[in-house]
C-alpha atoms as a PDB file:
ATOM      1  CA  MET A   1     -19.476   2.070   3.289  1.00  0.00           C
ATOM      2  CA  LYS A   2     -17.050   2.862   6.309  1.00  0.00           C
ATOM      3  CA  PRO A   3     -14.407   0.459   4.956  1.00  0.00           C
ATOM      4  CA  LEU A   4     -14.530   2.079   1.539  1.00  0.00           C
ATOM      5  CA  ILE A   5     -14.099   5.575   3.050  1.00  0.00           C
ATOM      6  CA  ALA A   6     -11.169   4.357   5.131  1.00  0.00           C
ATOM      7  CA  ALA A   7      -9.595   2.671   2.115  1.00  0.00           C
ATOM      8  CA  ALA A   8      -9.922   6.001   0.175  1.00  0.00           C
ATOM      9  CA  ALA A   9      -8.420   7.949   2.972  1.00  0.00           C
ATOM     10  CA  LEU A  10      -5.531   5.557   3.289  1.00  0.00           C
ATOM     11  CA  ALA A  11      -4.901   5.682  -0.496  1.00  0.00           C
ATOM     12  CA  MET A  12      -4.786   9.572  -0.294  1.00  0.00           C
ATOM     13  CA  ILE A  13      -2.359   9.356   2.591  1.00  0.00           C
ATOM     14  CA  ALA A  14      -0.174   6.753   0.833  1.00  0.00           C
ATOM     15  CA  ALA A  15       0.156   8.496  -2.534  1.00  0.00           C
ATOM     16  CA  PRO A  16       2.345  11.284  -1.295  1.00  0.00           C
ATOM     17  CA  ALA A  17       4.522   8.802   0.447  1.00  0.00           C
ATOM     18  CA  LEU A  18       5.257   7.124  -2.814  1.00  0.00           C
ATOM     19  CA  ALA A  19       6.396  10.394  -4.336  1.00  0.00           C
ATOM     20  CA  GLU A  20       8.612  11.009  -1.283  1.00  0.00           C
ATOM     21  CA  ASP A  21      10.303   7.781  -1.797  1.00  0.00           C
ATOM     22  CA  ALA A  22      11.773   8.831  -5.149  1.00  0.00           C
ATOM     23  CA  ALA A  23      12.933  12.119  -3.673  1.00  0.00           C
ATOM     24  CA  LYS A  24      14.561  10.283  -0.737  1.00  0.00           C
ATOM     25  CA  GLY A  25      16.133   7.903  -3.326  1.00  0.00           C
ATOM     26  CA  GLU A  26      17.515  10.829  -5.285  1.00  0.00           C
ATOM     27  CA  LYS A  27      19.334  11.979  -2.233  1.00  0.00           C
ATOM     28  CA  LEU A  28      20.526   8.433  -1.327  1.00  0.00           C
ATOM     29  CA  PHE A  29      21.758   8.003  -4.948  1.00  0.00           C
ATOM     30  CA  ASN A  30      24.690  10.315  -4.030  1.00  0.00           C
ATOM     31  CA  LYS A  31      26.199   7.236  -2.481  1.00  0.00           C
ATOM     32  CA  CYS A  32      25.756   5.299  -5.770  1.00  0.00           C
ATOM     33  CA  LYS A  33      27.146   7.874  -8.107  1.00  0.00           C
ATOM     34  CA  ALA A  34      30.680   7.174  -7.031  1.00  0.00           C
ATOM     35  CA  CYS A  35      30.308   4.178  -9.263  1.00  0.00           C
ATOM     36  CA  HIS A  36      27.069   4.630 -11.325  1.00  0.00           C
ATOM     37  CA  SER A  37      25.790   7.245 -13.624  1.00  0.00           C
ATOM     38  CA  ILE A  38      22.331   7.860 -15.128  1.00  0.00           C
ATOM     39  CA  VAL A  39      22.543   8.644 -18.832  1.00  0.00           C
ATOM     40  CA  SER A  40      19.482   8.538 -21.136  1.00  0.00           C
ATOM     41  CA  ASP A  41      19.311   6.552 -24.287  1.00  0.00           C
ATOM     42  CA  SER A  42      19.619   9.837 -26.175  1.00  0.00           C
ATOM     43  CA  GLY A  43      22.970  10.622 -24.340  1.00  0.00           C
ATOM     44  CA  GLU A  44      21.665  13.196 -21.943  1.00  0.00           C
ATOM     45  CA  THR A  45      23.561  12.874 -18.597  1.00  0.00           C
ATOM     46  CA  ILE A  46      20.944  13.031 -15.797  1.00  0.00           C
ATOM     47  CA  VAL A  47      23.417  12.062 -13.022  1.00  0.00           C
ATOM     48  CA  LYS A  48      27.118  12.301 -13.711  1.00  0.00           C
ATOM     49  CA  GLY A  49      28.787   9.570 -11.863  1.00  0.00           C
ATOM     50  CA  GLY A  50      31.610   6.945 -11.963  1.00  0.00           C
ATOM     51  CA  ARG A  51      32.309   4.257 -14.570  1.00  0.00           C
ATOM     52  CA  THR A  52      32.931   1.443 -12.170  1.00  0.00           C
ATOM     53  CA  GLY A  53      29.324   0.298 -12.343  1.00  0.00           C
ATOM     54  CA  PRO A  54      26.955   0.261 -15.298  1.00  0.00           C
ATOM     55  CA  ASN A  55      24.708   3.135 -16.313  1.00  0.00           C
ATOM     56  CA  LEU A  56      21.395   2.721 -14.419  1.00  0.00           C
ATOM     57  CA  PHE A  57      19.083   4.438 -16.859  1.00  0.00           C
ATOM     58  CA  GLY A  58      16.410   1.938 -17.581  1.00  0.00           C
ATOM     59  CA  VAL A  59      17.625  -0.708 -15.085  1.00  0.00           C
ATOM     60  CA  VAL A  60      14.204  -1.304 -13.653  1.00  0.00           C
ATOM     61  CA  GLY A  61      12.669  -4.106 -15.793  1.00  0.00           C
ATOM     62  CA  ARG A  62      16.099  -4.915 -17.432  1.00  0.00           C
ATOM     63  CA  GLN A  63      17.497  -8.401 -17.434  1.00  0.00           C
ATOM     64  CA  ALA A  64      20.484  -8.472 -15.047  1.00  0.00           C
ATOM     65  CA  GLY A  65      23.951  -8.278 -16.567  1.00  0.00           C
ATOM     66  CA  THR A  66      22.875  -6.947 -19.983  1.00  0.00           C
ATOM     67  CA  TYR A  67      23.674  -3.220 -20.245  1.00  0.00           C
ATOM     68  CA  PRO A  68      25.733  -3.040 -23.477  1.00  0.00           C
ATOM     69  CA  ASP A  69      29.489  -2.674 -23.399  1.00  0.00           C
ATOM     70  CA  PHE A  70      29.790  -3.145 -19.613  1.00  0.00           C
ATOM     71  CA  ARG A  71      31.978  -5.940 -18.165  1.00  0.00           C
ATOM     72  CA  TYR A  72      29.787  -7.631 -15.555  1.00  0.00           C
ATOM     73  CA  GLY A  73      30.979 -10.381 -13.169  1.00  0.00           C
ATOM     74  CA  LYS A  74      30.198 -13.894 -14.295  1.00  0.00           C
ATOM     75  CA  ASP A  75      27.727 -14.655 -11.537  1.00  0.00           C
ATOM     76  CA  LEU A  76      25.618 -11.598 -12.262  1.00  0.00           C
ATOM     77  CA  ILE A  77      25.599 -12.648 -16.005  1.00  0.00           C
ATOM     78  CA  ALA A  78      24.574 -16.208 -14.927  1.00  0.00           C
ATOM     79  CA  ALA A  79      21.758 -14.801 -12.861  1.00  0.00           C
ATOM     80  CA  GLY A  80      20.535 -12.743 -15.775  1.00  0.00           C
ATOM     81  CA  GLU A  81      20.773 -15.753 -18.069  1.00  0.00           C
ATOM     82  CA  ALA A  82      18.714 -17.704 -15.531  1.00  0.00           C
ATOM     83  CA  GLY A  83      15.972 -15.022 -15.810  1.00  0.00           C
ATOM     84  CA  LEU A  84      16.828 -12.478 -13.097  1.00  0.00           C
ATOM     85  CA  VAL A  85      15.023  -9.245 -14.074  1.00  0.00           C
ATOM     86  CA  TRP A  86      15.528  -6.079 -11.893  1.00  0.00           C
ATOM     87  CA  ASP A  87      12.063  -5.697 -10.500  1.00  0.00           C
ATOM     88  CA  GLU A  88      11.310  -4.062  -7.166  1.00  0.00           C
ATOM     89  CA  GLU A  89      11.891  -7.119  -4.960  1.00  0.00           C
ATOM     90  CA  ALA A  90      15.025  -8.262  -6.722  1.00  0.00           C
ATOM     91  CA  LEU A  91      16.738  -4.801  -6.825  1.00  0.00           C
ATOM     92  CA  GLN A  92      15.918  -4.111  -3.200  1.00  0.00           C
ATOM     93  CA  GLU A  93      17.353  -7.364  -1.988  1.00  0.00           C
ATOM     94  CA  TYR A  94      20.401  -7.029  -4.233  1.00  0.00           C
ATOM     95  CA  LEU A  95      21.105  -3.542  -2.863  1.00  0.00           C
ATOM     96  CA  LYS A  96      20.962  -4.793   0.711  1.00  0.00           C
ATOM     97  CA  ASP A  97      23.781  -7.414   0.147  1.00  0.00           C
ATOM     98  CA  PRO A  98      24.754  -8.055  -3.495  1.00  0.00           C
ATOM     99  CA  ARG A  99      26.837 -11.126  -2.785  1.00  0.00           C
ATOM    100  CA  LYS A 100      24.379 -12.835  -0.407  1.00  0.00           C
ATOM    101  CA  PHE A 101      21.626 -12.016  -3.038  1.00  0.00           C
ATOM    102  CA  LEU A 102      23.521 -13.770  -5.796  1.00  0.00           C
ATOM    103  CA  GLN A 103      24.460 -16.762  -3.629  1.00  0.00           C
ATOM    104  CA  HIS A 104      20.824 -17.185  -2.763  1.00  0.00           C
ATOM    105  CA  HIS A 105      19.525 -16.600  -6.364  1.00  0.00           C
ATOM    106  CA  LEU A 106      22.075 -18.938  -7.994  1.00  0.00           C
ATOM    107  CA  GLU A 107      21.997 -21.465  -5.163  1.00  0.00           C
ATOM    108  CA  ASP A 108      25.803 -21.161  -5.015  1.00  0.00           C
ATOM    109  CA  LYS A 109      27.636 -20.352  -1.960  1.00  0.00           C
ATOM    110  CA  LYS A 110      30.679 -19.313  -3.944  1.00  0.00           C
ATOM    111  CA  ALA A 111      28.782 -16.775  -6.123  1.00  0.00           C
ATOM    112  CA  LYS A 112      30.053 -13.212  -5.653  1.00  0.00           C
ATOM    113  CA  SER A 113      29.169  -9.783  -6.990  1.00  0.00           C
ATOM    114  CA  ASN A 114      31.644  -7.156  -8.290  1.00  0.00           C
ATOM    115  CA  MET A 115      29.590  -4.632  -6.337  1.00  0.00           C
ATOM    116  CA  SER A 116      30.800  -4.730  -2.652  1.00  0.00           C
ATOM    117  CA  PHE A 117      28.592  -1.779  -1.410  1.00  0.00           C
ATOM    118  CA  LYS A 118      25.737  -2.753   0.752  1.00  0.00           C
ATOM    119  CA  LEU A 119      22.698  -0.479   1.368  1.00  0.00           C
ATOM    120  CA  PRO A 120      20.960  -1.843   4.451  1.00  0.00           C
ATOM    121  CA  LYS A 121      18.398   0.960   4.569  1.00  0.00           C
ATOM    122  CA  GLY A 122      16.758   2.873   1.787  1.00  0.00           C
ATOM    123  CA  ALA A 123      16.724   0.302  -1.025  1.00  0.00           C
ATOM    124  CA  GLU A 124      13.023   0.907  -1.578  1.00  0.00           C
ATOM    125  CA  ASP A 125      13.757   4.662  -2.077  1.00  0.00           C
ATOM    126  CA  ILE A 126      16.568   3.913  -4.509  1.00  0.00           C
ATOM    127  CA  TYR A 127      14.308   1.617  -6.422  1.00  0.00           C
ATOM    128  CA  ALA A 128      11.577   4.396  -6.530  1.00  0.00           C
ATOM    129  CA  TYR A 129      14.110   6.838  -7.817  1.00  0.00           C
ATOM    130  CA  LEU A 130      15.519   4.507 -10.495  1.00  0.00           C
ATOM    131  CA  ALA A 131      12.016   3.558 -11.604  1.00  0.00           C
ATOM    132  CA  THR A 132      11.467   7.127 -12.766  1.00  0.00           C
ATOM    133  CA  PHE A 133      14.160   6.486 -15.460  1.00  0.00           C
ATOM    134  CA  SER A 134      12.667   3.230 -16.580  1.00  0.00           C
ATOM    135  CA  ALA A 135       9.885   2.192 -19.099  1.00  0.00           C
ATOM    136  CA  ALA A 136       6.388   1.559 -17.813  1.00  0.00           C
ATOM    137  CA  PRO A 137       6.265  -1.160 -15.115  1.00  0.00           C
ATOM    138  CA  ALA A 138       5.821  -4.706 -16.241  1.00  0.00           C
ATOM    139  CA  GLU A 139       2.337  -4.819 -14.610  1.00  0.00           C
ATOM    140  CA  ASP A 140       1.158  -1.953 -16.887  1.00  0.00           C
ATOM    141  CA  ALA A 141       2.574  -3.749 -19.949  1.00  0.00           C
ATOM    142  CA  ALA A 142       0.876  -7.011 -18.981  1.00  0.00           C
ATOM    143  CA  GLY A 143      -2.380  -5.181 -18.444  1.00  0.00           C
ATOM    144  CA  ASP A 144      -1.954  -3.612 -22.008  1.00  0.00           C
ATOM    145  CA  GLU A 145      -1.233  -7.020 -23.542  1.00  0.00           C
ATOM    146  CA  GLY A 146      -4.362  -8.504 -21.852  1.00  0.00           C
ATOM    147  CA  ALA A 147      -6.388  -5.604 -23.316  1.00  0.00           C
ATOM    148  CA  ASP A 148      -4.978  -6.234 -26.694  1.00  0.00           C
ATOM    149  CA  GLU A 149      -5.778  -9.922 -26.509  1.00  0.00           C
ATOM    150  CA  GLU A 150      -9.371  -9.086 -25.370  1.00  0.00           C
ATOM    151  CA  LYS A 151      -9.754  -6.721 -28.371  1.00  0.00           C
ATOM    152  CA  ALA A 152      -8.385  -9.499 -30.716  1.00  0.00           C
ATOM    153  CA  SER A 153     -10.910 -11.898 -29.399  1.00  0.00           C
ATOM    154  CA  GLU A 154     -13.877  -9.596 -29.970  1.00  0.00           C
END
């Protein structure tokens, strides 16, 4: 019983911290908006930013290098074609050092990123912020598919 109470207390403490991450990420995004904007699919400008980088609306869960009408570097496109999807782990590692991330992901020491900015701290907060502008997490979708399959087998 004590472990259950401790787990519940920990969950209550951790929940507000997750909400704070997105708020911290919103502040940190000021560094990103020199190159990136966030514009919804309907055309609403959420964060006005530069055009050097792609629009980051819906980036979480998106295949890397696929935002329409943006000219990505060949290595980022190759990573996307190899299956790279911007999930929590991938996006956080990429933000810390884009070139190093692509070199590791593609197993190519010559791989490079057009994004030279590195974010050694706060990548998890940027992720939390960007996730607020994306579709439901893949885990939820997978859970829904499982529920649909279960209903179909009944």
